Amino acid sequence: MNALILMTRIPIPGQTKTRLMDIMSGYERADLHLAFLMDLFHTFKKVRNKVEIYLTYTPENSFKIIDDMIPGYIKTFPQKGEDLGEKMYHAIKHVLSIGYENVILIGADIPDLSAEDINTAFRILENKDLIFGPSYDGGYYLVGMKKPNKKIFDISKNWGEKSVLESTVDIANNLGLSIGLAPKYRDIDTKEDLFEFMKKHENDIEMKALYTTEFVRRWRETID
């Protein structure tokens, strides 16, 4: 059986999507983050029969903010670790210890990720040791493995720099691990990312990321 982990911060006003603070209020950024989560929950409905789904969150004492909106089939647990790398490692290790063959972890900043993207990522991982989903900022929004490997997350660079994925691939190559790549996506972190998302989905006939698209549409009306 396969497992998918969604890793997210709790969308607390003023404490999420801080790189958008020059164009959105703290409450708007929290609502945007909530829209991301709702879009991903909608996508998860289409894969839940093939994949068991987990959500890992921080901060632990604020879980009640999203408790009543998480679908009942999603299992939850708090994040553990000091930095992003440690948190990803511990989340993957925890879920693999339950007995899954393949585990993939994704971030919450890709609301237009599709069910087919998820299914494809698991198919790739079946024949590889690792899988990564590259993001346009040089990092990755998705990582998957069959066995917990702390060294993959042990890079001497700050998370978010343009060389994160390249450095991680170097580590994997040095360990003799095979790597697969999922489709490339753009994390929504900055206003440039948000504007690119708006452009991409302005005439989206596939109707992806409906919650996020609707939120952005309403937000634009307030600033026009």
Protein backbone atom coordinates (compact mmCIF):
# COMPACT_ATOMS: atom_id res chain seq x y z
CA MET A 1 0.00 0.00 0.00
CA ASN A 2 1.11 3.56 -0.72
CA ALA A 3 0.81 6.63 1.52
CA LEU A 4 0.73 10.34 0.71
CA ILE A 5 1.69 12.98 3.29
CA LEU A 6 0.57 16.59 3.04
CA MET A 7 2.92 18.82 5.02
CA THR A 8 1.51 22.18 6.07
CA ARG A 9 1.61 25.00 8.52
CA ILE A 10 -1.65 25.83 10.26
CA PRO A 11 -2.98 28.91 8.41
CA ILE A 12 -2.83 31.37 11.30
CA PRO A 13 -3.36 35.02 10.30
CA GLY A 14 -0.01 36.79 10.24
CA GLN A 15 1.99 33.55 10.43
CA THR A 16 1.61 32.06 6.95
CA LYS A 17 2.56 33.08 3.40
CA THR A 18 4.69 35.88 4.86
CA ARG A 19 6.37 36.59 1.52
CA LEU A 20 3.01 37.94 0.33
CA MET A 21 2.69 40.43 3.18
CA ASP A 22 3.38 43.40 0.89
CA ILE A 23 0.18 42.74 -1.08
CA MET A 24 -2.11 40.86 1.35
CA SER A 25 -3.18 41.25 4.95
CA GLY A 26 -2.51 38.51 7.48
CA TYR A 27 -6.13 37.34 7.27
CA GLU A 28 -6.05 37.30 3.47
CA ARG A 29 -2.89 35.21 3.47
CA ALA A 30 -4.45 32.75 5.92
CA ASP A 31 -7.55 32.50 3.70
CA LEU A 32 -5.33 31.91 0.67
CA HIS A 33 -3.57 29.09 2.52
CA LEU A 34 -6.94 27.60 3.48
CA ALA A 35 -7.94 27.69 -0.19
CA PHE A 36 -4.77 25.73 -1.04
CA LEU A 37 -5.75 23.07 1.49
CA MET A 38 -9.34 22.84 0.27
CA ASP A 39 -8.16 22.35 -3.32
CA LEU A 40 -5.79 19.59 -2.26
CA PHE A 41 -8.50 17.88 -0.18
CA HIS A 42 -10.71 17.95 -3.29
CA THR A 43 -7.94 16.29 -5.30
CA PHE A 44 -7.34 13.69 -2.60
CA LYS A 45 -10.91 12.43 -3.01
CA LYS A 46 -9.88 11.10 -6.43
CA VAL A 47 -6.93 9.07 -5.14
CA ARG A 48 -8.10 7.96 -1.68
CA ASN A 49 -9.03 4.47 -2.92
CA LYS A 50 -5.46 3.88 -4.09
CA VAL A 51 -3.48 5.84 -1.53
CA GLU A 52 -3.82 6.37 2.21
CA ILE A 53 -3.49 10.02 3.11
CA TYR A 54 -1.85 11.76 6.06
CA LEU A 55 -1.51 15.42 7.05
CA THR A 56 1.36 16.61 9.23
CA TYR A 57 1.09 20.07 10.73
CA THR A 58 2.73 22.78 12.81
CA PRO A 59 2.25 24.42 15.30
CA GLU A 60 0.78 21.57 17.29
CA ASN A 61 -1.32 23.69 19.64
CA SER A 62 -3.25 25.34 16.79
CA PHE A 63 -4.67 22.23 15.12
CA LYS A 64 -8.23 23.16 16.12
CA ILE A 65 -8.19 25.87 13.44
CA ILE A 66 -8.38 23.27 10.66
CA ASP A 67 -9.70 20.25 12.56
CA ASP A 68 -13.31 20.55 11.38
CA MET A 69 -12.41 20.99 7.70
CA ILE A 70 -10.15 17.96 7.30
CA PRO A 71 -11.91 14.99 5.63
CA GLY A 72 -12.39 12.02 7.93
CA TYR A 73 -10.26 9.70 5.77
CA ILE A 74 -7.14 11.82 6.36
CA LYS A 75 -5.00 10.83 9.34
CA THR A 76 -3.10 13.62 11.10
CA PHE A 77 0.01 14.02 13.24
CA PRO A 78 2.17 16.99 14.34
CA GLN A 79 5.50 17.77 12.75
CA LYS A 80 8.72 16.87 14.55
CA GLY A 81 12.13 18.44 14.02
CA GLU A 82 13.99 21.73 14.12
CA ASP A 83 14.18 22.61 10.43
CA LEU A 84 12.32 21.72 7.25
CA GLY A 85 14.65 18.87 6.38
CA GLU A 86 14.26 17.24 9.78
CA LYS A 87 10.50 17.65 9.65
CA MET A 88 10.25 15.98 6.24
CA TYR A 89 12.51 13.14 7.31
CA HIS A 90 10.61 12.44 10.52
CA ALA A 91 7.24 12.57 8.74
CA ILE A 92 8.34 10.10 6.07
CA LYS A 93 10.05 7.86 8.61
CA HIS A 94 6.93 7.82 10.80
CA VAL A 95 4.60 6.81 7.98
CA LEU A 96 7.00 4.24 6.50
CA SER A 97 7.27 2.63 9.95
CA ILE A 98 3.55 1.83 9.77
CA GLY A 99 4.29 -0.56 6.92
CA TYR A 100 3.76 1.25 3.62
CA GLU A 101 5.84 0.30 0.58
CA ASN A 102 6.05 3.77 -0.95
CA VAL A 103 5.58 7.14 0.74
CA ILE A 104 5.38 10.52 -0.96
CA LEU A 105 5.34 13.87 0.84
CA ILE A 106 4.08 17.10 -0.74
CA GLY A 107 3.90 20.71 0.36
CA ALA A 108 0.68 22.70 0.55
CA ASP A 109 1.69 25.43 -1.91
CA ILE A 110 0.69 23.57 -5.11
CA PRO A 111 -3.13 23.83 -5.11
CA ASP A 112 -3.38 22.83 -8.79
CA LEU A 113 -1.62 19.49 -8.30
CA SER A 114 -3.82 16.89 -9.98
CA ALA A 115 -4.83 13.34 -9.07
CA GLU A 116 -3.00 12.13 -12.18
CA ASP A 117 0.17 13.87 -10.98
CA ILE A 118 -0.08 11.96 -7.72
CA ASN A 119 -0.76 8.63 -9.44
CA THR A 120 2.11 9.22 -11.85
CA ALA A 121 4.50 10.01 -9.01
CA PHE A 122 3.73 6.71 -7.30
CA ARG A 123 4.18 4.82 -10.57
CA ILE A 124 7.60 6.41 -11.01
CA LEU A 125 8.59 5.61 -7.42
CA GLU A 126 7.80 1.92 -7.94
CA ASN A 127 10.92 1.66 -10.10
CA LYS A 128 13.14 4.23 -8.36
CA ASP A 129 14.65 4.69 -4.92
CA LEU A 130 13.58 8.33 -4.77
CA ILE A 131 11.30 10.76 -6.54
CA PHE A 132 11.32 14.55 -6.52
CA GLY A 133 8.89 17.09 -7.91
CA PRO A 134 10.96 20.07 -9.06
CA SER A 135 9.71 23.58 -8.39
CA TYR A 136 10.58 26.67 -10.40
CA ASP A 137 12.46 28.23 -7.48
CA GLY A 138 15.10 25.49 -7.58
CA GLY A 139 13.70 23.41 -4.75
CA TYR A 140 11.10 20.68 -4.77
CA TYR A 141 7.44 20.43 -3.78
CA LEU A 142 7.37 16.61 -3.65
CA VAL A 143 9.71 13.93 -2.32
CA GLY A 144 9.14 10.20 -2.06
CA MET A 145 11.06 7.13 -0.95
CA LYS A 146 10.75 3.49 0.04
CA LYS A 147 13.13 3.64 3.01
CA PRO A 148 13.76 6.57 5.35
CA ASN A 149 17.03 8.26 4.41
CA LYS A 150 18.12 11.15 6.62
CA LYS A 151 21.14 11.98 4.45
CA ILE A 152 18.87 13.10 1.61
CA PHE A 153 17.73 16.01 3.76
CA ASP A 154 21.18 16.82 5.15
CA ILE A 155 22.34 19.65 2.93
CA SER A 156 24.52 22.50 4.14
CA LYS A 157 22.35 25.15 2.47
CA ASN A 158 19.24 27.02 3.51
CA TRP A 159 15.92 25.55 2.42
CA GLY A 160 14.47 27.72 -0.31
CA GLU A 161 17.71 28.51 -2.12
CA LYS A 162 17.92 27.80 -5.82
CA SER A 163 20.39 24.95 -5.37
CA VAL A 164 18.32 22.83 -2.97
CA LEU A 165 17.20 20.25 -5.53
CA GLU A 166 20.57 20.17 -7.28
CA SER A 167 22.36 19.66 -3.95
CA THR A 168 19.91 16.93 -2.95
CA VAL A 169 20.32 15.10 -6.26
CA ASP A 170 24.10 15.21 -5.77
CA ILE A 171 23.69 13.55 -2.38
CA ALA A 172 21.45 10.86 -3.86
CA ASN A 173 23.88 10.20 -6.70
CA ASN A 174 26.77 9.87 -4.25
CA LEU A 175 24.71 7.32 -2.31
CA GLY A 176 24.06 5.33 -5.49
CA LEU A 177 20.29 5.90 -5.33
CA SER A 178 18.12 6.00 -8.45
CA ILE A 179 15.97 9.10 -8.94
CA GLY A 180 12.73 9.82 -10.78
CA LEU A 181 11.21 13.25 -11.45
CA ALA A 182 7.57 14.29 -11.25
CA PRO A 183 6.15 17.19 -13.33
CA LYS A 184 7.54 20.63 -12.56
CA TYR A 185 5.31 23.05 -10.66
CA ARG A 186 5.48 26.56 -9.26
CA ASP A 187 5.12 26.99 -5.48
CA ILE A 188 2.95 29.96 -4.61
CA ASP A 189 5.27 31.83 -2.26
CA THR A 190 5.76 35.30 -3.76
CA LYS A 191 3.58 37.81 -5.57
CA GLU A 192 5.29 36.80 -8.82
CA ASP A 193 4.23 33.20 -8.17
CA LEU A 194 0.68 34.35 -7.44
CA PHE A 195 0.49 36.41 -10.63
CA GLU A 196 1.78 33.45 -12.66
CA PHE A 197 -0.90 31.25 -11.08
CA MET A 198 -3.56 33.82 -11.97
CA LYS A 199 -2.34 33.94 -15.57
CA LYS A 200 -2.24 30.14 -15.83
CA HIS A 201 -5.78 29.64 -14.55
CA GLU A 202 -7.50 32.70 -16.01
CA ASN A 203 -9.03 30.59 -18.78
CA ASP A 204 -8.54 27.12 -17.31
CA ILE A 205 -10.96 24.76 -19.05
CA GLU A 206 -9.88 21.93 -16.71
CA MET A 207 -11.16 23.94 -13.74
CA LYS A 208 -8.22 23.10 -11.49
CA ALA A 209 -7.73 24.66 -8.05
CA LEU A 210 -11.24 26.09 -7.87
CA TYR A 211 -11.00 27.30 -4.27
CA THR A 212 -7.74 29.12 -4.86
CA THR A 213 -8.86 30.52 -8.21
CA GLU A 214 -12.08 31.86 -6.65
CA PHE A 215 -10.22 33.37 -3.71
CA VAL A 216 -7.75 35.12 -6.01
CA ARG A 217 -10.60 36.39 -8.21
CA ARG A 218 -12.36 37.93 -5.20
CA TRP A 219 -9.10 39.33 -3.85
CA ARG A 220 -8.32 41.00 -7.17
CA GLU A 221 -11.68 42.73 -7.09
CA THR A 222 -10.73 44.38 -3.81
CA ILE A 223 -7.52 45.87 -5.23
CA ASP A 224 -8.66 46.85 -8.74
